[in-house]
Amino acid sequence: MSVGSLAAESARLVMPFTIVSDSVSAEVPGGFTMVKGFVHSNDTSVVREGIASNYGMTHKTSVDEGSFKLLIPDTDSIVFFYSLNYGKIVISPYNFINGHEVTIYFSVFNTDYIYPSMDKPVIYCYSEEPITASIDLAIKES
């Protein structure tokens, strides 16, 4: 098994999120739910991308901790994390309850770490007409 496939297999074995708690909070105004938590990544970096709900509320995680806090209507049923480098994790449907505080931990994986990008040079071949072609490369070893 290659290192890349081992990393991908490890990513599949970890749950992408954990609901840590869901309890009544006197600090949450009526008609709303406070969603808070932390985003943890496989490469130990602080994830600064956003958490959002289907109501359209978004919050960037804090710069120093990777934590977030989002006040959403209790009629909402979706909260998700999205990042270009870390992908998307959707929690849906979830029954957000009036006056509750829900704590969620997201576990995300940097796709650059799992699937490293290839370096240049890249050869692009274009034709205005359909053609049959072949390209032979003689790579000089260093």
Protein backbone atom coordinates (compact mmCIF):
# COMPACT_ATOMS: atom_id res chain seq x y z
CA MET A 1 0.00 0.00 0.00
CA SER A 2 1.41 3.40 -0.99
CA VAL A 3 1.73 6.33 1.42
CA GLY A 4 -1.01 8.22 -0.48
CA SER A 5 -3.46 5.32 -0.33
CA LEU A 6 -2.65 4.75 3.35
CA ALA A 7 -3.39 8.42 4.09
CA ALA A 8 -6.64 8.21 2.11
CA GLU A 9 -7.64 5.05 4.00
CA SER A 10 -6.90 6.78 7.33
CA ALA A 11 -9.08 9.71 6.26
CA ARG A 12 -12.01 7.37 5.66
CA LEU A 13 -11.69 5.74 9.09
CA VAL A 14 -12.17 8.98 11.05
CA MET A 15 -15.67 10.39 11.51
CA PRO A 16 -15.78 13.83 9.87
CA PHE A 17 -17.64 15.40 12.80
CA THR A 18 -18.68 14.73 16.38
CA ILE A 19 -21.63 16.26 18.20
CA VAL A 20 -19.99 16.82 21.59
CA SER A 21 -23.02 18.27 23.35
CA ASP A 22 -26.53 19.63 22.80
CA SER A 23 -28.02 21.30 25.85
CA VAL A 24 -30.22 24.19 27.01
CA SER A 25 -28.42 27.50 27.46
CA ALA A 26 -29.89 30.61 29.13
CA GLU A 27 -27.52 32.73 27.01
CA VAL A 28 -29.17 31.75 23.69
CA PRO A 29 -32.05 34.05 22.62
CA GLY A 30 -35.48 32.59 21.83
CA GLY A 31 -35.90 31.14 18.36
CA PHE A 32 -32.18 30.48 17.96
CA THR A 33 -29.54 27.80 18.52
CA MET A 34 -25.90 28.56 19.25
CA VAL A 35 -23.60 26.27 17.26
CA LYS A 36 -19.99 26.33 18.39
CA GLY A 37 -16.98 24.10 18.20
CA PHE A 38 -13.55 23.48 16.75
CA VAL A 39 -12.08 22.44 13.40
CA HIS A 40 -9.14 20.03 13.62
CA SER A 41 -7.06 19.04 10.59
CA ASN A 42 -4.86 16.04 9.82
CA ASP A 43 -1.86 18.28 9.17
CA THR A 44 -2.21 20.05 12.56
CA SER A 45 -2.61 23.48 10.96
CA VAL A 46 -5.25 25.90 12.20
CA VAL A 47 -8.16 25.81 9.76
CA ARG A 48 -9.41 29.32 9.04
CA GLU A 49 -12.18 28.53 6.57
CA GLY A 50 -15.88 28.92 7.22
CA ILE A 51 -18.73 27.16 8.92
CA ALA A 52 -22.14 27.90 7.42
CA SER A 53 -25.82 27.06 7.76
CA ASN A 54 -28.54 26.79 5.14
CA TYR A 55 -29.93 30.04 6.55
CA GLY A 56 -26.93 31.72 4.96
CA MET A 57 -25.08 32.53 8.17
CA THR A 58 -21.31 32.07 7.89
CA HIS A 59 -18.45 32.32 10.33
CA LYS A 60 -14.74 32.02 9.73
CA THR A 61 -12.95 30.00 12.36
CA SER A 62 -10.74 32.03 14.66
CA VAL A 63 -7.17 32.64 13.58
CA ASP A 64 -5.50 31.40 16.77
CA GLU A 65 -7.58 28.37 17.79
CA GLY A 66 -9.63 27.01 14.89
CA SER A 67 -12.79 27.58 16.93
CA PHE A 68 -16.13 28.90 15.69
CA LYS A 69 -19.43 30.21 17.05
CA LEU A 70 -22.59 30.67 14.98
CA LEU A 71 -26.05 31.80 16.08
CA ILE A 72 -28.68 30.28 13.75
CA PRO A 73 -32.49 30.12 13.71
CA ASP A 74 -33.82 26.98 15.39
CA THR A 75 -35.75 26.28 12.17
CA ASP A 76 -32.46 25.60 10.39
CA SER A 77 -31.51 21.96 9.80
CA ILE A 78 -28.11 22.10 8.07
CA VAL A 79 -24.67 23.21 9.21
CA PHE A 80 -21.63 22.58 7.08
CA PHE A 81 -17.91 23.18 6.87
CA TYR A 82 -16.32 24.01 3.51
CA SER A 83 -12.79 24.74 2.39
CA LEU A 84 -11.07 24.45 -0.96
CA ASN A 85 -8.18 22.54 0.63
CA TYR A 86 -10.17 20.52 3.15
CA GLY A 87 -13.39 19.71 1.31
CA LYS A 88 -16.93 19.77 2.64
CA ILE A 89 -18.60 18.19 5.67
CA VAL A 90 -22.38 18.47 5.90
CA ILE A 91 -24.41 17.84 9.04
CA SER A 92 -27.95 17.34 7.78
CA PRO A 93 -30.65 17.03 8.82
CA TYR A 94 -30.11 18.02 12.43
CA ASN A 95 -32.88 19.09 14.81
CA PHE A 96 -31.63 22.40 16.17
CA ILE A 97 -33.72 23.23 19.25
CA ASN A 98 -34.83 26.64 20.51
CA GLY A 99 -32.50 27.94 23.24
CA HIS A 100 -29.92 25.15 22.90
CA GLU A 101 -26.16 25.33 22.51
CA VAL A 102 -24.67 22.63 20.26
CA THR A 103 -20.94 21.89 20.31
CA ILE A 104 -19.48 20.23 17.19
CA TYR A 105 -15.91 19.15 16.42
CA PHE A 106 -15.07 18.84 12.72
CA SER A 107 -12.17 16.58 11.69
CA VAL A 108 -10.93 17.66 8.26
CA PHE A 109 -8.19 16.36 5.98
CA ASN A 110 -5.97 18.53 3.82
CA THR A 111 -6.39 17.08 0.34
CA ASP A 112 -2.99 18.47 -0.68
CA TYR A 113 -1.50 16.20 1.98
CA ILE A 114 -3.46 13.14 0.85
CA TYR A 115 -3.29 13.81 -2.88
CA PRO A 116 -0.09 15.75 -3.62
CA SER A 117 -0.20 17.94 -6.71
CA MET A 118 2.05 17.28 -9.67
CA ASP A 119 4.76 19.71 -10.68
CA LYS A 120 5.16 21.34 -14.07
CA PRO A 121 6.05 21.13 -16.92
CA VAL A 122 2.72 20.28 -18.45
CA ILE A 123 2.31 19.82 -22.17
CA TYR A 124 -0.98 21.00 -23.66
CA CYS A 125 -1.93 19.97 -27.19
CA TYR A 126 -4.80 21.68 -28.99
CA SER A 127 -6.25 21.24 -32.44
CA GLU A 128 -9.11 23.05 -34.12
CA GLU A 129 -9.93 19.85 -36.01
CA PRO A 130 -10.28 16.29 -34.59
CA ILE A 131 -6.96 14.49 -35.17
CA THR A 132 -5.20 11.31 -34.19
CA ALA A 133 -1.85 12.09 -32.61
CA SER A 134 0.85 10.64 -30.42
CA ILE A 135 3.56 12.27 -28.37
CA ASP A 136 6.84 10.60 -27.54
CA LEU A 137 9.03 11.99 -24.80
CA ALA A 138 12.68 11.23 -24.22
CA ILE A 139 13.27 12.13 -20.59
CA LYS A 140 16.83 12.93 -19.69
CA GLU A 141 17.74 11.39 -16.37
CA SER A 142 19.76 13.54 -14.00
